[in-house]
PDB file of N, CA and C in Angstrom:
ATOM      1  N   MET A   1      56.392 154.095  70.160  1.00  0.00           N
ATOM      2  CA  MET A   1      55.739 155.506  71.001  1.00  0.00           C
ATOM      3  C   MET A   1      56.355 156.344  71.463  1.00  0.00           C
ATOM      4  N   THR A   2      56.244 157.107  71.294  1.00  0.00           N
ATOM      5  CA  THR A   2      57.391 158.187  71.885  1.00  0.00           C
ATOM      6  C   THR A   2      56.204 159.027  73.689  1.00  0.00           C
ATOM      7  N   PRO A   3      57.235 159.233  74.115  1.00  0.00           N
ATOM      8  CA  PRO A   3      56.503 159.522  75.560  1.00  0.00           C
ATOM      9  C   PRO A   3      55.482 160.490  75.243  1.00  0.00           C
ATOM     10  N   THR A   4      55.596 161.194  74.512  1.00  0.00           N
ATOM     11  CA  THR A   4      54.510 162.624  74.119  1.00  0.00           C
ATOM     12  C   THR A   4      53.878 161.552  73.325  1.00  0.00           C
ATOM     13  N   ASP A   5      53.766 161.570  72.453  1.00  0.00           N
ATOM     14  CA  ASP A   5      52.250 160.467  72.536  1.00  0.00           C
ATOM     15  C   ASP A   5      51.635 159.424  72.923  1.00  0.00           C
ATOM     16  N   ILE A   6      52.393 159.823  73.667  1.00  0.00           N
ATOM     17  CA  ILE A   6      51.445 158.293  75.014  1.00  0.00           C
ATOM     18  C   ILE A   6      51.258 159.280  75.865  1.00  0.00           C
ATOM     19  N   GLU A   7      51.893 160.450  76.184  1.00  0.00           N
ATOM     20  CA  GLU A   7      50.637 161.199  76.905  1.00  0.00           C
ATOM     21  C   GLU A   7      49.584 161.514  76.162  1.00  0.00           C
ATOM     22  N   ARG A   8      49.639 162.223  74.924  1.00  0.00           N
ATOM     23  CA  ARG A   8      48.925 162.709  74.382  1.00  0.00           C
ATOM     24  C   ARG A   8      47.254 161.551  74.448  1.00  0.00           C
ATOM     25  N   LEU A   9      48.329 160.182  74.181  1.00  0.00           N
ATOM     26  CA  LEU A   9      46.670 159.106  73.804  1.00  0.00           C
ATOM     27  C   LEU A   9      46.439 158.969  74.981  1.00  0.00           C
ATOM     28  N   GLN A  10      47.047 159.197  76.714  1.00  0.00           N
ATOM     29  CA  GLN A  10      46.334 158.782  77.639  1.00  0.00           C
ATOM     30  C   GLN A  10      45.321 160.341  77.889  1.00  0.00           C
ATOM     31  N   ILE A  11      45.870 161.677  77.580  1.00  0.00           N
ATOM     32  CA  ILE A  11      44.933 162.419  77.563  1.00  0.00           C
ATOM     33  C   ILE A  11      43.201 162.482  77.306  1.00  0.00           C
ATOM     34  N   TYR A  12      43.533 161.992  75.221  1.00  0.00           N
ATOM     35  CA  TYR A  12      42.501 161.015  74.414  1.00  0.00           C
ATOM     36  C   TYR A  12      41.585 160.687  75.396  1.00  0.00           C
ATOM     37  N   LEU A  13      41.858 159.508  75.825  1.00  0.00           N
ATOM     38  CA  LEU A  13      41.383 158.664  76.682  1.00  0.00           C
ATOM     39  C   LEU A  13      40.485 158.719  77.460  1.00  0.00           C
ATOM     40  N   ARG A  14      41.161 159.353  78.859  1.00  0.00           N
ATOM     41  CA  ARG A  14      40.639 160.156  80.017  1.00  0.00           C
ATOM     42  C   ARG A  14      39.387 160.996  79.144  1.00  0.00           C
ATOM     43  N   LYS A  15      39.380 161.552  78.543  1.00  0.00           N
ATOM     44  CA  LYS A  15      38.497 162.334  78.069  1.00  0.00           C
ATOM     45  C   LYS A  15      37.184 161.782  77.696  1.00  0.00           C
ATOM     46  N   LEU A  16      37.740 161.114  76.231  1.00  0.00           N
ATOM     47  CA  LEU A  16      36.824 160.338  75.738  1.00  0.00           C
ATOM     48  C   LEU A  16      36.121 159.306  76.652  1.00  0.00           C
ATOM     49  N   PHE A  17      36.524 158.507  77.422  1.00  0.00           N
ATOM     50  CA  PHE A  17      35.403 157.957  78.675  1.00  0.00           C
ATOM     51  C   PHE A  17      35.235 158.249  79.841  1.00  0.00           C
ATOM     52  N   GLY A  18      35.481 159.597  80.594  1.00  0.00           N
ATOM     53  CA  GLY A  18      35.516 160.371  81.403  1.00  0.00           C
ATOM     54  C   GLY A  18      35.774 159.616  82.685  1.00  0.00           C
ATOM     55  N   SER A  19      37.305 159.370  82.658  1.00  0.00           N
ATOM     56  CA  SER A  19      37.520 158.806  83.133  1.00  0.00           C
ATOM     57  C   SER A  19      39.495 158.883  83.781  1.00  0.00           C
ATOM     58  N   GLU A  20      39.528 158.671  84.826  1.00  0.00           N
ATOM     59  CA  GLU A  20      41.855 159.467  85.065  1.00  0.00           C
ATOM     60  C   GLU A  20      41.396 158.216  85.177  1.00  0.00           C
ATOM     61  N   ARG A  21      41.248 156.744  85.598  1.00  0.00           N
ATOM     62  CA  ARG A  21      41.642 156.120  85.939  1.00  0.00           C
ATOM     63  C   ARG A  21      42.533 154.609  85.276  1.00  0.00           C
ATOM     64  N   ILE A  22      42.196 155.365  83.859  1.00  0.00           N
ATOM     65  CA  ILE A  22      43.130 154.854  82.371  1.00  0.00           C
ATOM     66  C   ILE A  22      44.444 155.330  82.404  1.00  0.00           C
ATOM     67  N   LYS A  23      44.969 154.364  82.373  1.00  0.00           N
ATOM     68  CA  LYS A  23      46.598 154.627  81.861  1.00  0.00           C
ATOM     69  C   LYS A  23      47.038 153.660  81.510  1.00  0.00           C
ATOM     70  N   ILE A  24      48.329 154.699  80.313  1.00  0.00           N
ATOM     71  CA  ILE A  24      48.830 153.873  79.393  1.00  0.00           C
ATOM     72  C   ILE A  24      50.226 153.673  80.139  1.00  0.00           C
ATOM     73  N   VAL A  25      50.574 152.152  79.757  1.00  0.00           N
ATOM     74  CA  VAL A  25      51.931 152.077  80.027  1.00  0.00           C
ATOM     75  C   VAL A  25      53.003 151.418  78.610  1.00  0.00           C
ATOM     76  N   PRO A  26      54.165 152.553  79.383  1.00  0.00           N
ATOM     77  CA  PRO A  26      55.168 152.211  78.098  1.00  0.00           C
ATOM     78  C   PRO A  26      55.945 150.806  78.529  1.00  0.00           C
ATOM     79  N   PRO A  27      56.089 150.438  76.719  1.00  0.00           N
ATOM     80  CA  PRO A  27      56.873 149.307  77.418  1.00  0.00           C
ATOM     81  C   PRO A  27      58.547 149.120  78.375  1.00  0.00           C
ATOM     82  N   LEU A  28      58.465 147.999  79.646  1.00  0.00           N
ATOM     83  CA  LEU A  28      59.950 148.058  80.344  1.00  0.00           C
ATOM     84  C   LEU A  28      60.841 147.725  79.475  1.00  0.00           C
ATOM     85  N   ARG A  29      61.022 147.049  78.287  1.00  0.00           N
ATOM     86  CA  ARG A  29      61.713 147.729  76.536  1.00  0.00           C
ATOM     87  C   ARG A  29      61.551 147.907  75.483  1.00  0.00           C
ATOM     88  N   LYS A  30      62.259 148.467  74.992  1.00  0.00           N
ATOM     89  CA  LYS A  30      61.913 147.913  73.324  1.00  0.00           C
ATOM     90  C   LYS A  30      61.520 147.060  73.012  1.00  0.00           C
ATOM     91  N   GLY A  31      60.652 147.123  71.854  1.00  0.00           N
ATOM     92  CA  GLY A  31      59.839 146.108  71.276  1.00  0.00           C
ATOM     93  C   GLY A  31      58.556 145.465  71.627  1.00  0.00           C
ATOM     94  N   LEU A  32      58.735 145.955  73.397  1.00  0.00           N
ATOM     95  CA  LEU A  32      56.846 145.026  73.838  1.00  0.00           C
ATOM     96  C   LEU A  32      56.263 145.965  73.491  1.00  0.00           C
ATOM     97  N   SER A  33      55.304 145.829  73.455  1.00  0.00           N
ATOM     98  CA  SER A  33      53.899 146.017  73.361  1.00  0.00           C
ATOM     99  C   SER A  33      53.401 147.481  74.833  1.00  0.00           C
ATOM    100  N   VAL A  34      52.811 148.407  74.402  1.00  0.00           N
ATOM    101  CA  VAL A  34      52.046 149.917  74.854  1.00  0.00           C
ATOM    102  C   VAL A  34      51.508 149.548  75.783  1.00  0.00           C
ATOM    103  N   GLU A  35      50.641 149.310  76.954  1.00  0.00           N
ATOM    104  CA  GLU A  35      49.397 148.339  77.488  1.00  0.00           C
ATOM    105  C   GLU A  35      48.776 149.612  78.006  1.00  0.00           C
ATOM    106  N   LEU A  36      47.632 149.137  77.754  1.00  0.00           N
ATOM    107  CA  LEU A  36      46.613 150.244  78.880  1.00  0.00           C
ATOM    108  C   LEU A  36      46.412 149.192  79.627  1.00  0.00           C
ATOM    109  N   ALA A  37      46.021 150.651  80.418  1.00  0.00           N
ATOM    110  CA  ALA A  37      45.231 149.543  82.178  1.00  0.00           C
ATOM    111  C   ALA A  37      44.370 150.528  82.381  1.00  0.00           C
ATOM    112  N   VAL A  38      43.635 150.123  83.561  1.00  0.00           N
ATOM    113  CA  VAL A  38      42.575 150.769  84.057  1.00  0.00           C
ATOM    114  C   VAL A  38      42.392 150.182  85.696  1.00  0.00           C
ATOM    115  N   ASN A  39      42.683 151.064  86.232  1.00  0.00           N
ATOM    116  CA  ASN A  39      43.060 150.324  87.548  1.00  0.00           C
ATOM    117  C   ASN A  39      44.067 149.770  87.854  1.00  0.00           C
ATOM    118  N   ASP A  40      45.156 150.067  87.293  1.00  0.00           N
ATOM    119  CA  ASP A  40      46.605 148.664  87.426  1.00  0.00           C
ATOM    120  C   ASP A  40      46.608 147.797  86.853  1.00  0.00           C
ATOM    121  N   GLU A  41      45.424 147.048  86.448  1.00  0.00           N
ATOM    122  CA  GLU A  41      45.143 145.822  85.660  1.00  0.00           C
ATOM    123  C   GLU A  41      44.951 146.448  83.958  1.00  0.00           C
ATOM    124  N   THR A  42      46.187 145.621  83.657  1.00  0.00           N
ATOM    125  CA  THR A  42      45.922 145.550  81.900  1.00  0.00           C
ATOM    126  C   THR A  42      45.156 144.824  81.647  1.00  0.00           C
ATOM    127  N   VAL A  43      44.352 145.641  80.000  1.00  0.00           N
ATOM    128  CA  VAL A  43      43.085 145.348  79.543  1.00  0.00           C
ATOM    129  C   VAL A  43      43.850 145.414  78.328  1.00  0.00           C
ATOM    130  N   GLY A  44      44.468 145.621  77.794  1.00  0.00           N
ATOM    131  CA  GLY A  44      45.008 145.996  76.388  1.00  0.00           C
ATOM    132  C   GLY A  44      46.323 145.959  75.859  1.00  0.00           C
ATOM    133  N   THR A  45      46.327 146.462  74.718  1.00  0.00           N
ATOM    134  CA  THR A  45      47.551 146.763  74.004  1.00  0.00           C
ATOM    135  C   THR A  45      47.653 148.104  72.996  1.00  0.00           C
ATOM    136  N   ILE A  46      47.935 148.942  72.806  1.00  0.00           N
ATOM    137  CA  ILE A  46      48.145 150.067  72.273  1.00  0.00           C
ATOM    138  C   ILE A  46      49.012 150.013  70.674  1.00  0.00           C
ATOM    139  N   HIS A  47      48.552 149.717  69.774  1.00  0.00           N
ATOM    140  CA  HIS A  47      49.291 149.961  68.434  1.00  0.00           C
ATOM    141  C   HIS A  47      49.353 150.904  67.705  1.00  0.00           C
ATOM    142  N   GLN A  48      50.584 151.703  67.433  1.00  0.00           N
ATOM    143  CA  GLN A  48      50.744 153.165  66.574  1.00  0.00           C
ATOM    144  C   GLN A  48      50.939 152.828  64.456  1.00  0.00           C
ATOM    145  N   ASP A  49      50.167 153.307  64.450  1.00  0.00           N
ATOM    146  CA  ASP A  49      50.382 152.884  62.727  1.00  0.00           C
ATOM    147  C   ASP A  49      50.382 154.182  62.201  1.00  0.00           C
ATOM    148  N   THR A  50      52.043 154.519  61.262  1.00  0.00           N
ATOM    149  CA  THR A  50      51.751 155.128  60.578  1.00  0.00           C
ATOM    150  C   THR A  50      51.841 154.853  58.791  1.00  0.00           C
ATOM    151  N   GLU A  51      51.089 155.896  58.425  1.00  0.00           N
ATOM    152  CA  GLU A  51      50.043 155.440  56.942  1.00  0.00           C
ATOM    153  C   GLU A  51      50.557 156.073  55.892  1.00  0.00           C
ATOM    154  N   GLU A  52      51.397 156.488  54.873  1.00  0.00           N
ATOM    155  CA  GLU A  52      51.007 157.429  53.937  1.00  0.00           C
ATOM    156  C   GLU A  52      50.830 159.444  54.574  1.00  0.00           C
ATOM    157  N   GLY A  53      51.917 159.549  55.887  1.00  0.00           N
ATOM    158  CA  GLY A  53      51.657 160.985  56.667  1.00  0.00           C
ATOM    159  C   GLY A  53      50.810 160.535  56.912  1.00  0.00           C
ATOM    160  N   GLU A  54      49.751 159.385  57.777  1.00  0.00           N
ATOM    161  CA  GLU A  54      49.094 159.796  59.206  1.00  0.00           C
ATOM    162  C   GLU A  54      49.015 158.880  59.823  1.00  0.00           C
ATOM    163  N   THR A  55      48.967 158.817  60.963  1.00  0.00           N
ATOM    164  CA  THR A  55      49.352 158.254  62.332  1.00  0.00           C
ATOM    165  C   THR A  55      47.738 157.772  62.612  1.00  0.00           C
ATOM    166  N   SER A  56      47.731 156.840  63.496  1.00  0.00           N
ATOM    167  CA  SER A  56      46.523 156.290  64.130  1.00  0.00           C
ATOM    168  C   SER A  56      47.403 155.869  64.360  1.00  0.00           C
ATOM    169  N   TYR A  57      46.260 154.727  66.036  1.00  0.00           N
ATOM    170  CA  TYR A  57      46.745 154.182  67.011  1.00  0.00           C
ATOM    171  C   TYR A  57      45.371 153.309  67.550  1.00  0.00           C
ATOM    172  N   SER A  58      45.320 152.156  67.512  1.00  0.00           N
ATOM    173  CA  SER A  58      44.250 150.759  67.416  1.00  0.00           C
ATOM    174  C   SER A  58      44.623 150.555  68.691  1.00  0.00           C
ATOM    175  N   ILE A  59      43.238 150.114  69.472  1.00  0.00           N
ATOM    176  CA  ILE A  59      43.478 149.464  70.416  1.00  0.00           C
ATOM    177  C   ILE A  59      42.575 147.883  70.564  1.00  0.00           C
ATOM    178  N   HIS A  60      43.750 147.077  71.354  1.00  0.00           N
ATOM    179  CA  HIS A  60      43.338 145.502  71.489  1.00  0.00           C
ATOM    180  C   HIS A  60      43.175 145.349  72.347  1.00  0.00           C
ATOM    181  N   MET A  61      41.479 144.922  72.659  1.00  0.00           N
ATOM    182  CA  MET A  61      41.120 144.540  74.053  1.00  0.00           C
ATOM    183  C   MET A  61      40.490 143.667  73.984  1.00  0.00           C
ATOM    184  N   THR A  62      41.317 142.372  74.794  1.00  0.00           N
ATOM    185  CA  THR A  62      40.910 140.885  75.689  1.00  0.00           C
ATOM    186  C   THR A  62      39.877 141.168  76.693  1.00  0.00           C
ATOM    187  N   VAL A  63      39.523 140.330  76.979  1.00  0.00           N
ATOM    188  CA  VAL A  63      37.975 139.753  78.214  1.00  0.00           C
ATOM    189  C   VAL A  63      37.283 138.405  77.818  1.00  0.00           C
ATOM    190  N   LEU A  64      38.577 138.005  79.098  1.00  0.00           N
ATOM    191  CA  LEU A  64      38.317 136.253  79.304  1.00  0.00           C
ATOM    192  C   LEU A  64      37.434 136.345  80.318  1.00  0.00           C
ATOM    193  N   GLU A  65      36.785 134.724  79.564  1.00  0.00           N
ATOM    194  CA  GLU A  65      35.552 134.238  80.254  1.00  0.00           C
ATOM    195  C   GLU A  65      35.228 134.721  81.410  1.00  0.00           C
ATOM    196  N   GLU A  66      36.252 134.332  82.123  1.00  0.00           N
ATOM    197  CA  GLU A  66      36.498 133.684  83.781  1.00  0.00           C
ATOM    198  C   GLU A  66      35.977 134.908  84.533  1.00  0.00           C
ATOM    199  N   ASP A  67      36.362 136.805  83.909  1.00  0.00           N
ATOM    200  CA  ASP A  67      35.694 138.158  84.112  1.00  0.00           C
ATOM    201  C   ASP A  67      34.836 138.430  84.022  1.00  0.00           C
ATOM    202  N   LEU A  68      34.301 137.484  83.522  1.00  0.00           N
ATOM    203  CA  LEU A  68      32.741 137.735  83.063  1.00  0.00           C
ATOM    204  C   LEU A  68      31.638 137.391  84.411  1.00  0.00           C
ATOM    205  N   PRO A  69      30.468 138.378  84.381  1.00  0.00           N
ATOM    206  CA  PRO A  69      29.586 137.899  85.338  1.00  0.00           C
ATOM    207  C   PRO A  69      28.578 136.375  84.987  1.00  0.00           C
ATOM    208  N   ALA A  70      28.346 135.819  85.645  1.00  0.00           N
ATOM    209  CA  ALA A  70      27.868 134.564  85.589  1.00  0.00           C
ATOM    210  C   ALA A  70      26.044 134.740  84.448  1.00  0.00           C
ATOM    211  N   ARG A  71      26.557 133.828  83.670  1.00  0.00           N
ATOM    212  CA  ARG A  71      25.189 133.939  82.641  1.00  0.00           C
ATOM    213  C   ARG A  71      23.776 134.032  83.707  1.00  0.00           C
ATOM    214  N   PRO A  72      22.902 134.502  82.820  1.00  0.00           N
ATOM    215  CA  PRO A  72      21.236 134.136  83.559  1.00  0.00           C
ATOM    216  C   PRO A  72      21.045 133.271  83.405  1.00  0.00           C
ATOM    217  N   ARG A  73      20.134 132.329  84.251  1.00  0.00           N
ATOM    218  CA  ARG A  73      20.060 130.932  83.875  1.00  0.00           C
ATOM    219  C   ARG A  73      18.522 131.702  83.140  1.00  0.00           C
ATOM    220  N   PRO A  74      17.974 130.852  81.685  1.00  0.00           N
ATOM    221  CA  PRO A  74      16.535 130.774  81.123  1.00  0.00           C
ATOM    222  C   PRO A  74      15.636 130.600  81.690  1.00  0.00           C
ATOM    223  N   MET A  75      14.855 131.063  81.815  1.00  0.00           N
ATOM    224  CA  MET A  75      13.034 131.288  82.164  1.00  0.00           C
ATOM    225  C   MET A  75      12.771 129.878  81.749  1.00  0.00           C
ATOM    226  N   PRO A  76      12.295 129.530  82.762  1.00  0.00           N
ATOM    227  CA  PRO A  76      10.800 127.464  82.502  1.00  0.00           C
ATOM    228  C   PRO A  76      10.235 128.234  81.188  1.00  0.00           C
ATOM    229  N   ALA A  77      10.146 127.596  80.710  1.00  0.00           N
ATOM    230  CA  ALA A  77       8.640 127.909  79.213  1.00  0.00           C
ATOM    231  C   ALA A  77       7.953 128.442  79.941  1.00  0.00           C
ATOM    232  N   ALA A  78       6.926 128.749  79.341  1.00  0.00           N
ATOM    233  CA  ALA A  78       5.331 129.336  80.290  1.00  0.00           C
ATOM    234  C   ALA A  78       4.369 127.963  79.950  1.00  0.00           C
ATOM    235  N   THR A  79       3.161 127.460  80.563  1.00  0.00           N
ATOM    236  CA  THR A  79       2.531 126.710  79.911  1.00  0.00           C
ATOM    237  C   THR A  79       1.898 127.366  78.988  1.00  0.00           C
ATOM    238  N   LYS A  80       1.349 126.573  78.057  1.00  0.00           N
ATOM    239  CA  LYS A  80      -0.038 127.578  77.568  1.00  0.00           C
ATOM    240  C   LYS A  80      -0.945 126.489  77.906  1.00  0.00           C
ATOM    241  N   ARG A  81      -2.260 128.224  77.939  1.00  0.00           N
ATOM    242  CA  ARG A  81      -3.165 127.517  78.309  1.00  0.00           C
ATOM    243  C   ARG A  81      -4.316 128.005  77.247  1.00  0.00           C
ATOM    244  N   GLY A  82      -5.131 127.249  76.044  1.00  0.00           N
ATOM    245  CA  GLY A  82      -5.384 127.676  75.067  1.00  0.00           C
ATOM    246  C   GLY A  82      -6.909 127.777  76.416  1.00  0.00           C
ATOM    247  N   PRO A  83      -8.353 128.645  75.305  1.00  0.00           N
ATOM    248  CA  PRO A  83      -9.300 129.010  76.039  1.00  0.00           C
ATOM    249  C   PRO A  83      -9.916 127.338  76.439  1.00  0.00           C
ATOM    250  N   GLY A  84     -11.042 127.657  77.893  1.00  0.00           N
ATOM    251  CA  GLY A  84     -11.694 126.759  78.553  1.00  0.00           C
ATOM    252  C   GLY A  84     -10.922 125.557  78.689  1.00  0.00           C
ATOM    253  N   LYS A  85      -8.928 125.551  79.262  1.00  0.00           N
ATOM    254  CA  LYS A  85      -8.682 124.625  80.172  1.00  0.00           C
ATOM    255  C   LYS A  85      -8.551 125.092  80.989  1.00  0.00           C
TER     256      LYS A  85
END
């Protein structure tokens, strides 16, 4: 991706998600992925595809289990009471 592509995509994503905290980070050297960051934390990669004269961008986002909040504890089963009990 060119610097212009990166800038245009960053403007679009910031507007789409309503956040200036989104940043697209160009690769340090050729051949590496363009990264998507939020608050300086890399959350995914962005790939550009040009086919039949049309360009599109795909974002691959990985969420680690360790970054998720704890699972809620299941509620104990309620004791069923029938009529007359």
